[in-house]
């Protein structure tokens, strides 16, 4: 239980062409300067929620049959430990056969 995981990002992973949910997509953090790594999976409805650090960073979204997705999350904070949340739906582009 990490006390610095004060920021929650949640949303739905969808197919960019059909707008249908993409089940079981993998969501992981990507910090520019290395550091912590957190990951989760979307559920059968494409819904995900990940607890992470509040500093700006990317979420990497992967699913079989789709191109890699990337979304920028977090906020720039100054001199305090922030708490917060945001909603970010992710559209994944299907691989062209």
C-alpha atoms as a PDB file:
ATOM      1  CA  UNK A   1       0.000   0.000   0.000  1.00  0.00           C
ATOM      2  CA  UNK A   2       1.883   3.041  -1.271  1.00  0.00           C
ATOM      3  CA  UNK A   3       0.941   6.317   0.401  1.00  0.00           C
ATOM      4  CA  UNK A   4       2.195   8.339  -2.600  1.00  0.00           C
ATOM      5  CA  UNK A   5      -0.413   6.772  -4.925  1.00  0.00           C
ATOM      6  CA  UNK A   6      -2.797   9.672  -4.436  1.00  0.00           C
ATOM      7  CA  UNK A   7      -3.985  10.084  -8.015  1.00  0.00           C
ATOM      8  CA  UNK A   8      -6.541   7.911  -9.773  1.00  0.00           C
ATOM      9  CA  UNK A   9      -7.113   7.718 -13.510  1.00  0.00           C
ATOM     10  CA  UNK A  10     -10.128   5.853 -14.838  1.00  0.00           C
ATOM     11  CA  UNK A  11     -11.943   5.489 -18.117  1.00  0.00           C
ATOM     12  CA  UNK A  12     -12.961   3.165 -20.909  1.00  0.00           C
ATOM     13  CA  UNK A  13     -10.767   1.684 -23.635  1.00  0.00           C
ATOM     14  CA  UNK A  14     -12.608   1.699 -26.977  1.00  0.00           C
ATOM     15  CA  UNK A  15     -12.056   0.654 -30.573  1.00  0.00           C
ATOM     16  CA  UNK A  16     -11.519   3.882 -32.545  1.00  0.00           C
ATOM     17  CA  UNK A  17     -13.469   2.562 -35.556  1.00  0.00           C
ATOM     18  CA  UNK A  18     -16.475   0.875 -33.937  1.00  0.00           C
ATOM     19  CA  UNK A  19     -16.519   2.780 -30.614  1.00  0.00           C
ATOM     20  CA  UNK A  20     -17.038  -0.599 -28.921  1.00  0.00           C
ATOM     21  CA  UNK A  21     -15.231  -1.364 -25.641  1.00  0.00           C
ATOM     22  CA  UNK A  22     -11.928  -3.252 -25.846  1.00  0.00           C
ATOM     23  CA  UNK A  23     -11.942  -5.853 -23.047  1.00  0.00           C
ATOM     24  CA  UNK A  24      -8.847  -6.852 -21.063  1.00  0.00           C
ATOM     25  CA  UNK A  25      -6.558  -4.079 -22.393  1.00  0.00           C
ATOM     26  CA  UNK A  26      -3.353  -3.635 -20.380  1.00  0.00           C
ATOM     27  CA  UNK A  27      -2.696  -0.184 -18.902  1.00  0.00           C
ATOM     28  CA  UNK A  28       0.703   0.753 -17.497  1.00  0.00           C
ATOM     29  CA  UNK A  29       2.544   3.905 -16.453  1.00  0.00           C
ATOM     30  CA  UNK A  30       5.435   5.438 -18.379  1.00  0.00           C
ATOM     31  CA  UNK A  31       7.391   8.119 -16.524  1.00  0.00           C
ATOM     32  CA  UNK A  32       9.778  10.243 -18.579  1.00  0.00           C
ATOM     33  CA  UNK A  33      12.615   9.857 -16.099  1.00  0.00           C
ATOM     34  CA  UNK A  34      12.094   6.237 -15.106  1.00  0.00           C
ATOM     35  CA  UNK A  35      10.988   5.570 -11.581  1.00  0.00           C
ATOM     36  CA  UNK A  36       7.827   3.844 -10.519  1.00  0.00           C
ATOM     37  CA  UNK A  37       5.887   1.362 -12.603  1.00  0.00           C
ATOM     38  CA  UNK A  38       2.222   0.598 -12.065  1.00  0.00           C
ATOM     39  CA  UNK A  39      -0.149  -1.458 -14.169  1.00  0.00           C
ATOM     40  CA  UNK A  40      -3.681  -2.759 -14.349  1.00  0.00           C
ATOM     41  CA  UNK A  41      -6.055  -4.373 -16.819  1.00  0.00           C
ATOM     42  CA  UNK A  42      -9.379  -3.217 -18.153  1.00  0.00           C
ATOM     43  CA  UNK A  43     -12.338  -5.430 -17.380  1.00  0.00           C
ATOM     44  CA  UNK A  44     -14.604  -7.241 -19.839  1.00  0.00           C
ATOM     45  CA  UNK A  45     -16.355  -3.908 -20.565  1.00  0.00           C
ATOM     46  CA  UNK A  46     -13.125  -2.015 -21.312  1.00  0.00           C
ATOM     47  CA  UNK A  47     -13.369  -0.098 -18.026  1.00  0.00           C
ATOM     48  CA  UNK A  48     -10.137   0.603 -16.138  1.00  0.00           C
ATOM     49  CA  UNK A  49      -8.955   2.393 -13.033  1.00  0.00           C
ATOM     50  CA  UNK A  50      -5.329   2.829 -11.997  1.00  0.00           C
ATOM     51  CA  UNK A  51      -3.829   4.413  -8.893  1.00  0.00           C
ATOM     52  CA  UNK A  52      -0.663   6.287  -9.754  1.00  0.00           C
ATOM     53  CA  UNK A  53       1.443   9.322  -8.946  1.00  0.00           C
ATOM     54  CA  UNK A  54      -0.021  12.773  -9.577  1.00  0.00           C
ATOM     55  CA  UNK A  55       2.939  14.096 -11.566  1.00  0.00           C
ATOM     56  CA  UNK A  56       2.489  14.353 -15.348  1.00  0.00           C
ATOM     57  CA  UNK A  57       3.251  11.101 -17.160  1.00  0.00           C
ATOM     58  CA  UNK A  58       1.881   8.821 -19.845  1.00  0.00           C
ATOM     59  CA  UNK A  59      -0.308   5.764 -19.642  1.00  0.00           C
ATOM     60  CA  UNK A  60       0.505   3.096 -22.215  1.00  0.00           C
ATOM     61  CA  UNK A  61      -2.489   1.055 -23.367  1.00  0.00           C
ATOM     62  CA  UNK A  62      -1.994  -2.298 -25.122  1.00  0.00           C
ATOM     63  CA  UNK A  63      -4.453  -4.821 -26.494  1.00  0.00           C
ATOM     64  CA  UNK A  64      -4.098  -7.694 -28.963  1.00  0.00           C
ATOM     65  CA  UNK A  65      -5.016  -6.597 -32.482  1.00  0.00           C
ATOM     66  CA  UNK A  66      -4.528  -2.869 -31.768  1.00  0.00           C
ATOM     67  CA  UNK A  67      -1.810  -0.286 -32.138  1.00  0.00           C
ATOM     68  CA  UNK A  68      -0.211   0.969 -28.928  1.00  0.00           C
ATOM     69  CA  UNK A  69      -2.189   3.756 -27.269  1.00  0.00           C
ATOM     70  CA  UNK A  70      -0.746   6.557 -25.180  1.00  0.00           C
ATOM     71  CA  UNK A  71      -2.502   9.186 -23.060  1.00  0.00           C
ATOM     72  CA  UNK A  72      -0.995  12.011 -20.986  1.00  0.00           C
ATOM     73  CA  UNK A  73      -2.261  12.132 -17.400  1.00  0.00           C
ATOM     74  CA  UNK A  74      -1.472  13.944 -14.176  1.00  0.00           C
ATOM     75  CA  UNK A  75      -1.004  17.579 -13.299  1.00  0.00           C
ATOM     76  CA  UNK A  76       1.906  19.856 -12.496  1.00  0.00           C
ATOM     77  CA  UNK A  77       1.846  20.496  -8.755  1.00  0.00           C
ATOM     78  CA  UNK A  78       3.952  22.709  -6.550  1.00  0.00           C
ATOM     79  CA  UNK A  79       5.134  22.188  -2.964  1.00  0.00           C
ATOM     80  CA  UNK A  80       2.412  19.834  -1.722  1.00  0.00           C
ATOM     81  CA  UNK A  81       1.377  16.232  -2.125  1.00  0.00           C
ATOM     82  CA  UNK A  82      -1.633  16.361  -4.409  1.00  0.00           C
ATOM     83  CA  UNK A  83      -4.666  14.162  -4.399  1.00  0.00           C
ATOM     84  CA  UNK A  84      -7.002  13.962  -7.295  1.00  0.00           C
ATOM     85  CA  UNK A  85      -8.495  12.015 -10.127  1.00  0.00           C
ATOM     86  CA  UNK A  86      -9.280  12.331 -13.797  1.00  0.00           C
ATOM     87  CA  UNK A  87     -11.314  10.525 -16.426  1.00  0.00           C
ATOM     88  CA  UNK A  88      -9.519   9.541 -19.627  1.00  0.00           C
ATOM     89  CA  UNK A  89     -11.184   7.354 -22.217  1.00  0.00           C
ATOM     90  CA  UNK A  90      -8.713   5.810 -24.652  1.00  0.00           C
ATOM     91  CA  UNK A  91      -9.395   5.060 -28.328  1.00  0.00           C
ATOM     92  CA  UNK A  92      -7.225   2.281 -29.767  1.00  0.00           C
ATOM     93  CA  UNK A  93      -6.711   1.942 -33.512  1.00  0.00           C
ATOM     94  CA  UNK A  94      -7.129  -1.606 -34.839  1.00  0.00           C
ATOM     95  CA  UNK A  95      -4.194  -3.125 -36.700  1.00  0.00           C
ATOM     96  CA  UNK A  96      -4.928  -3.275 -40.418  1.00  0.00           C
ATOM     97  CA  UNK A  97      -4.836  -6.908 -41.572  1.00  0.00           C
END
